Amino acid sequence: MTAETTERAAGTRPETVRLDKQIERSRGPWVDAGRRLIRHRAALLGLAVILVFVLVAIFAPHLTQYTYEKQNYTAINTAPDWVIDLFPKMTPVGEDKGYVRVDNDYLLGTDALGRDLWTRIIFGARISLAVAFIGPLTSLVVGTIYGMVSGYIGGRTDNILMRLVDVMYAFPTLLLIILMMVFFRSSFTQSEVGSLAYRLNKIDSAFGGMLFIFIGIGIT
């Protein structure tokens, strides 16, 4: 019995089967990956959490009335009532062995320097997300170009490039990042207005002087 006969016996037309196969081939890997992602509840939950973090980091100035560096010396080591209720071992001042000062003006309380913890967390999320995105992006660009050159040319060039990779693995990562940061900053500090170095220096300032650290992490 041929495949066409089997399809007819099952009540399915050959034209319909061919059309379904063509549609399945035309979907592509991205569509299949998206469908698998939608079916995976844990992955969707993780994606939702990441999106919340990204939105909080983007709109951080609108989610707090304080700045991350502002200090209030009259509110040092404070906590709101709901945090004290959540952690019974945090004894408020006024009770026996109390050490925590109650202040409901701050959502999560303050640190030892009187800075709002909520503000510092949401602004710190910008740095964490920048490391999470810029580092892998730099690694993707450098690794892709490096691997393409090595694989396309091959031979002695491939061998030399792979030995350089071995040297990078053997070199202390932290020391290399420090050297790269010093090199970039010394090279880009004195730059002409409008040049690429000037723009990179401005971006570095916007990231609190940590842009070249992110790039160093990605390269290593």
Protein backbone atom coordinates (compact mmCIF):
# COMPACT_ATOMS: atom_id res chain seq x y z
CA MET A 1 0.00 0.00 0.00
CA THR A 2 1.41 3.34 -1.06
CA ALA A 3 1.51 6.50 1.07
CA GLU A 4 -1.18 8.10 -1.10
CA THR A 5 -3.44 5.07 -0.61
CA THR A 6 -2.87 5.19 3.13
CA GLU A 7 -3.76 8.87 3.23
CA ARG A 8 -6.96 8.24 1.28
CA ALA A 9 -7.86 5.37 3.59
CA ALA A 10 -7.39 7.65 6.58
CA GLY A 11 -9.69 10.22 5.02
CA THR A 12 -6.96 12.83 4.37
CA ARG A 13 -6.34 14.27 0.93
CA PRO A 14 -2.75 14.24 -0.36
CA GLU A 15 -3.01 17.93 -1.26
CA THR A 16 -3.91 18.81 2.35
CA VAL A 17 -0.99 16.80 3.73
CA ARG A 18 1.46 18.49 1.34
CA LEU A 19 0.08 21.94 2.25
CA ASP A 20 0.43 21.21 5.96
CA LYS A 21 4.03 20.11 5.43
CA GLN A 22 4.82 23.27 3.44
CA ILE A 23 3.31 25.46 6.17
CA GLU A 24 5.29 23.59 8.81
CA ARG A 25 8.53 24.11 6.86
CA SER A 26 7.79 27.82 6.26
CA ARG A 27 7.32 28.59 9.94
CA GLY A 28 11.02 28.60 10.65
CA PRO A 29 12.95 27.99 13.88
CA TRP A 30 11.93 31.31 15.50
CA VAL A 31 8.24 30.48 15.25
CA ASP A 32 8.83 27.03 16.70
CA ALA A 33 10.91 28.51 19.51
CA GLY A 34 8.17 31.04 20.26
CA ARG A 35 5.55 28.31 20.42
CA ARG A 36 7.66 26.23 22.78
CA LEU A 37 8.23 29.32 24.95
CA ILE A 38 4.50 30.00 25.17
CA ARG A 39 3.85 26.42 26.28
CA HIS A 40 6.57 26.60 28.96
CA ARG A 41 4.96 28.26 32.00
CA ALA A 42 8.17 28.53 34.01
CA ALA A 43 9.89 30.28 31.10
CA LEU A 44 6.97 32.72 30.75
CA LEU A 45 7.15 33.45 34.46
CA GLY A 46 10.87 34.13 34.18
CA LEU A 47 10.28 36.38 31.17
CA ALA A 48 7.63 38.33 33.10
CA VAL A 49 10.02 38.82 36.03
CA ILE A 50 12.76 40.07 33.70
CA LEU A 51 10.35 42.50 32.02
CA VAL A 52 9.31 43.84 35.43
CA PHE A 53 12.96 44.38 36.37
CA VAL A 54 13.63 46.16 33.09
CA LEU A 55 10.60 48.45 33.48
CA VAL A 56 11.51 49.25 37.08
CA ALA A 57 15.07 50.12 36.02
CA ILE A 58 13.86 52.31 33.14
CA PHE A 59 11.29 54.21 35.18
CA ALA A 60 13.34 54.30 38.40
CA PRO A 61 13.26 58.13 38.75
CA HIS A 62 9.44 58.03 38.65
CA LEU A 63 9.15 55.30 41.31
CA THR A 64 10.81 57.17 44.14
CA GLN A 65 11.02 60.68 45.52
CA TYR A 66 14.61 60.28 46.65
CA THR A 67 17.96 59.96 44.91
CA TYR A 68 20.32 57.06 45.47
CA GLU A 69 23.10 59.26 46.93
CA LYS A 70 20.97 61.54 49.12
CA GLN A 71 21.68 61.10 52.83
CA ASN A 72 19.39 61.84 55.76
CA TYR A 73 21.40 61.82 58.97
CA THR A 74 18.24 61.93 61.07
CA ALA A 75 17.07 58.63 59.53
CA ILE A 76 19.95 56.18 59.86
CA ASN A 77 19.32 52.42 60.03
CA THR A 78 15.55 52.78 59.91
CA ALA A 79 12.84 50.37 58.83
CA PRO A 80 9.09 50.72 58.23
CA ASP A 81 6.51 48.93 60.35
CA TRP A 82 5.74 46.27 57.74
CA VAL A 83 9.39 45.18 57.58
CA ILE A 84 9.59 44.92 61.36
CA ASP A 85 6.38 42.86 61.40
CA LEU A 86 7.80 40.62 58.67
CA PHE A 87 11.05 40.03 60.59
CA PRO A 88 10.20 39.65 64.29
CA LYS A 89 13.88 39.62 65.29
CA MET A 90 14.12 43.28 64.23
CA THR A 91 13.33 44.95 67.56
CA PRO A 92 12.32 48.63 67.32
CA VAL A 93 13.89 51.28 69.53
CA GLY A 94 11.93 51.74 72.75
CA GLU A 95 11.48 48.04 73.41
CA ASP A 96 13.82 45.72 75.27
CA LYS A 97 17.11 45.46 73.34
CA GLY A 98 15.62 47.51 70.55
CA TYR A 99 18.03 48.73 67.88
CA VAL A 100 15.90 49.53 64.81
CA ARG A 101 14.45 52.98 64.35
CA VAL A 102 10.95 53.03 62.86
CA ASP A 103 10.41 55.37 59.91
CA ASN A 104 7.52 54.82 57.50
CA ASP A 105 8.69 57.55 55.12
CA TYR A 106 11.00 55.03 53.45
CA LEU A 107 9.51 51.98 51.74
CA LEU A 108 12.30 49.57 52.68
CA GLY A 109 14.07 51.70 55.27
CA THR A 110 17.52 53.28 55.14
CA ASP A 111 21.11 52.10 55.44
CA ALA A 112 23.86 53.11 57.87
CA LEU A 113 24.39 56.36 55.95
CA GLY A 114 20.73 57.38 55.85
CA ARG A 115 20.17 56.50 52.16
CA ASP A 116 16.87 55.08 50.94
CA LEU A 117 17.27 51.36 50.28
CA TRP A 118 14.41 51.13 47.78
CA THR A 119 15.92 53.91 45.68
CA ARG A 120 19.35 52.33 45.74
CA ILE A 121 17.93 48.94 44.71
CA ILE A 122 15.97 50.18 41.70
CA PHE A 123 18.80 52.42 40.49
CA GLY A 124 21.25 49.58 41.08
CA ALA A 125 19.10 47.43 38.81
CA ARG A 126 20.26 49.64 35.93
CA ILE A 127 23.88 48.64 36.53
CA SER A 128 22.99 44.96 36.90
CA LEU A 129 20.94 44.95 33.71
CA ALA A 130 23.66 46.85 31.86
CA VAL A 131 26.14 44.13 32.83
CA ALA A 132 23.62 41.47 31.77
CA PHE A 133 23.10 43.00 28.31
CA ILE A 134 26.34 44.77 27.35
CA GLY A 135 28.66 41.97 28.47
CA PRO A 136 27.01 39.16 26.43
CA LEU A 137 26.44 41.53 23.48
CA THR A 138 30.14 42.40 23.39
CA SER A 139 31.01 38.73 23.76
CA LEU A 140 28.66 37.84 20.89
CA VAL A 141 30.14 40.43 18.52
CA VAL A 142 33.78 39.68 19.35
CA GLY A 143 33.30 35.90 19.47
CA THR A 144 31.36 35.76 16.21
CA ILE A 145 33.90 37.82 14.26
CA TYR A 146 36.83 35.98 15.84
CA GLY A 147 35.32 32.56 15.13
CA MET A 148 34.36 33.45 11.55
CA VAL A 149 37.88 34.62 10.75
CA SER A 150 39.41 31.57 12.39
CA GLY A 151 37.06 29.12 10.68
CA TYR A 152 37.10 30.77 7.23
CA ILE A 153 40.87 31.14 6.89
CA GLY A 154 41.81 28.06 8.91
CA GLY A 155 45.28 26.54 8.87
CA ARG A 156 48.04 28.46 10.64
CA THR A 157 45.78 31.47 11.28
CA ASP A 158 43.26 29.26 13.05
CA ASN A 159 46.03 27.72 15.15
CA ILE A 160 47.44 31.13 16.16
CA LEU A 161 44.02 32.52 17.05
CA MET A 162 43.22 29.48 19.18
CA ARG A 163 46.52 29.84 21.02
CA LEU A 164 45.57 33.46 21.76
CA VAL A 165 42.32 32.16 23.22
CA ASP A 166 44.32 29.80 25.44
CA VAL A 167 46.41 32.74 26.63
CA MET A 168 43.22 34.67 27.44
CA TYR A 169 41.95 31.73 29.49
CA ALA A 170 45.23 31.58 31.42
CA PHE A 171 45.37 35.35 32.05
CA PRO A 172 43.64 36.63 35.24
CA THR A 173 40.32 38.10 34.11
CA LEU A 174 40.11 40.78 36.80
CA LEU A 175 43.61 42.07 36.06
CA LEU A 176 42.88 42.18 32.33
CA ILE A 177 39.66 44.15 32.93
CA ILE A 178 41.55 46.66 35.09
CA LEU A 179 44.24 47.09 32.41
CA MET A 180 41.63 47.56 29.70
CA MET A 181 39.71 50.09 31.80
CA VAL A 182 42.89 52.10 32.41
CA PHE A 183 43.76 51.97 28.71
CA PHE A 184 40.31 53.06 27.53
CA ARG A 185 39.99 55.87 30.02
CA SER A 186 43.46 57.24 29.37
CA SER A 187 42.83 57.09 25.60
CA PHE A 188 39.34 58.60 25.58
CA THR A 189 39.58 61.25 28.28
CA GLN A 190 41.27 63.82 26.04
CA SER A 191 39.14 63.57 22.91
CA GLU A 192 37.69 66.03 20.45
CA VAL A 193 34.04 66.99 20.66
CA GLY A 194 31.93 64.95 18.24
CA SER A 195 34.45 62.13 17.83
CA LEU A 196 33.73 58.48 18.59
CA ALA A 197 36.03 58.58 21.62
CA TYR A 198 34.15 61.63 22.94
CA ARG A 199 30.79 59.86 22.57
CA LEU A 200 32.09 56.72 24.28
CA ASN A 201 33.39 58.86 27.10
CA LYS A 202 29.94 60.45 27.49
CA ILE A 203 28.29 57.02 27.53
CA ASP A 204 30.83 55.88 30.11
CA SER A 205 29.93 58.86 32.30
CA ALA A 206 26.22 58.02 31.97
CA PHE A 207 26.97 54.51 33.25
CA GLY A 208 28.87 55.88 36.22
CA GLY A 209 32.25 55.15 34.69
CA MET A 210 31.52 51.44 34.29
CA LEU A 211 30.97 51.10 30.54
CA PHE A 212 34.51 49.96 29.82
CA ILE A 213 34.25 47.46 32.67
CA PHE A 214 31.20 45.96 30.93
CA ILE A 215 33.07 45.82 27.63
CA GLY A 216 36.07 44.24 29.36
CA ILE A 217 33.84 41.57 30.86
CA GLY A 218 32.37 40.84 27.43
CA ILE A 219 35.76 40.64 25.72
CA THR A 220 37.28 38.33 28.33
